[in-house]
Amino acid sequence: MIKEAGFDGNLRVFEDGVSALDYVRNADLSAPTVIFLDINMPGMDGFEFAGQAAPLITSHGATTIILTLTSSRSPQDLERARQLAVIRDFLTKPLEVDQVRKILADPPMLRDLAS
């Protein structure tokens, strides 16, 4: 979906939050980076990942953003996402090509979380 939307950069997929966090700890995050984060992951949920990744991400300024991508429409999950400043938007599945194109063209750096 992301490649189909025209993204031609590096794309990495992690099956769990621990692996993703290890990557963030060791990656050069100076280039613009978007993390699509599922809040329901094995081992470490997305909120725990976001909380632990926040200091690493914020130390690189505004070059890295986290967007949740979840099937959850729970008001409690939306509220938890709002409480984590590092999460810039709360997207629900399925992700559409047009959504990805919009994100690539205009990253939601300061967008308020919407339901």
Protein backbone atom coordinates (compact mmCIF):
# COMPACT_ATOMS: atom_id res chain seq x y z
CA MET A 1 0.00 0.00 0.00
CA ILE A 2 2.76 2.44 0.93
CA LYS A 3 4.84 1.63 -2.16
CA GLU A 4 1.70 1.79 -4.31
CA ALA A 5 1.12 5.33 -3.02
CA GLY A 6 4.46 6.36 -4.50
CA PHE A 7 6.83 5.98 -1.56
CA ASP A 8 10.29 5.12 -2.87
CA GLY A 9 12.31 5.25 0.33
CA ASN A 10 13.28 2.51 2.76
CA LEU A 11 10.40 0.49 4.16
CA ARG A 12 10.88 -1.73 7.19
CA VAL A 13 8.29 -4.00 8.77
CA PHE A 14 8.49 -5.29 12.33
CA GLU A 15 6.24 -8.00 13.71
CA ASP A 16 6.50 -6.87 17.33
CA GLY A 17 7.20 -3.78 19.40
CA VAL A 18 10.46 -5.08 20.89
CA SER A 19 12.05 -5.47 17.44
CA ALA A 20 10.78 -2.05 16.36
CA LEU A 21 12.12 -0.43 19.53
CA ASP A 22 15.53 -2.06 19.00
CA TYR A 23 15.56 -0.57 15.50
CA VAL A 24 14.64 2.92 16.77
CA ARG A 25 17.36 2.73 19.42
CA ASN A 26 20.02 2.04 16.79
CA ALA A 27 18.72 3.84 13.71
CA ASP A 28 19.81 7.15 12.27
CA LEU A 29 16.55 9.06 12.61
CA SER A 30 17.88 12.29 11.12
CA ALA A 31 15.99 11.64 7.86
CA PRO A 32 12.20 12.12 7.88
CA THR A 33 10.67 8.92 9.24
CA VAL A 34 7.04 7.84 9.62
CA ILE A 35 6.19 4.95 11.92
CA PHE A 36 2.82 3.30 11.34
CA LEU A 37 2.11 1.74 14.71
CA ASP A 38 -0.42 -0.97 15.46
CA ILE A 39 -1.53 -0.66 19.06
CA ASN A 40 -2.18 -4.42 19.31
CA MET A 41 1.20 -6.12 18.94
CA PRO A 42 2.60 -9.22 20.62
CA GLY A 43 4.99 -8.76 23.54
CA MET A 44 4.78 -4.97 23.74
CA ASP A 45 1.67 -3.08 22.73
CA GLY A 46 1.83 0.06 20.62
CA PHE A 47 1.27 2.40 23.55
CA GLU A 48 4.17 0.88 25.46
CA PHE A 49 6.33 1.15 22.33
CA ALA A 50 5.36 4.82 21.87
CA GLY A 51 6.14 5.61 25.50
CA GLN A 52 9.58 3.99 25.35
CA ALA A 53 10.37 5.36 21.88
CA ALA A 54 9.29 8.92 22.70
CA PRO A 55 12.59 10.11 24.22
CA LEU A 56 14.54 8.59 21.33
CA ILE A 57 12.26 10.15 18.73
CA THR A 58 11.92 13.59 20.30
CA SER A 59 15.69 13.89 20.59
CA HIS A 60 15.76 14.01 16.78
CA GLY A 61 13.34 16.93 16.53
CA ALA A 62 10.39 16.76 14.16
CA THR A 63 11.93 14.33 11.68
CA THR A 64 10.17 11.24 13.06
CA ILE A 65 6.46 10.89 13.63
CA ILE A 66 4.26 8.05 14.85
CA LEU A 67 0.84 7.40 13.37
CA THR A 68 -1.26 4.69 14.94
CA LEU A 69 -2.80 2.34 12.41
CA THR A 70 -5.33 0.14 14.13
CA SER A 71 -8.65 -1.60 13.76
CA SER A 72 -9.66 -0.21 17.15
CA ARG A 73 -12.36 2.43 17.28
CA SER A 74 -12.33 2.42 21.06
CA PRO A 75 -12.67 5.85 22.70
CA GLN A 76 -10.27 4.63 25.40
CA ASP A 77 -7.58 3.84 22.80
CA LEU A 78 -8.08 7.24 21.17
CA GLU A 79 -7.72 8.92 24.57
CA ARG A 80 -4.54 6.95 25.35
CA ALA A 81 -3.12 8.04 21.98
CA ARG A 82 -3.99 11.68 22.75
CA GLN A 83 -2.05 11.43 26.00
CA LEU A 84 1.15 10.46 24.16
CA ALA A 85 2.44 13.58 22.43
CA VAL A 86 4.71 11.49 20.20
CA ILE A 87 1.63 10.00 18.46
CA ARG A 88 0.61 12.49 15.78
CA ASP A 89 -2.53 10.87 14.40
CA PHE A 90 -4.90 7.96 15.07
CA LEU A 91 -5.73 6.15 11.83
CA THR A 92 -8.10 3.22 11.54
CA LYS A 93 -7.71 0.30 9.18
CA PRO A 94 -7.98 -0.24 6.32
CA LEU A 95 -5.38 2.25 5.20
CA GLU A 96 -6.13 3.58 1.74
CA VAL A 97 -3.67 4.63 -0.96
CA ASP A 98 -5.09 8.18 -0.95
CA GLN A 99 -4.46 8.46 2.81
CA VAL A 100 -0.83 7.44 2.33
CA ARG A 101 -0.41 9.93 -0.52
CA LYS A 102 -1.77 12.70 1.70
CA ILE A 103 0.59 11.74 4.53
CA LEU A 104 3.56 11.70 2.15
CA ALA A 105 2.59 15.09 0.73
CA ASP A 106 1.65 16.74 4.04
CA PRO A 107 2.83 14.85 7.12
CA PRO A 108 0.51 15.35 10.09
CA MET A 109 3.21 16.97 12.20
CA LEU A 110 0.82 19.10 14.23
CA ARG A 111 -2.55 17.59 13.38
CA ASP A 112 -4.93 17.07 16.27
CA LEU A 113 -6.02 13.52 16.86
CA ALA A 114 -9.47 12.90 15.45
CA SER A 115 -11.82 10.00 15.85
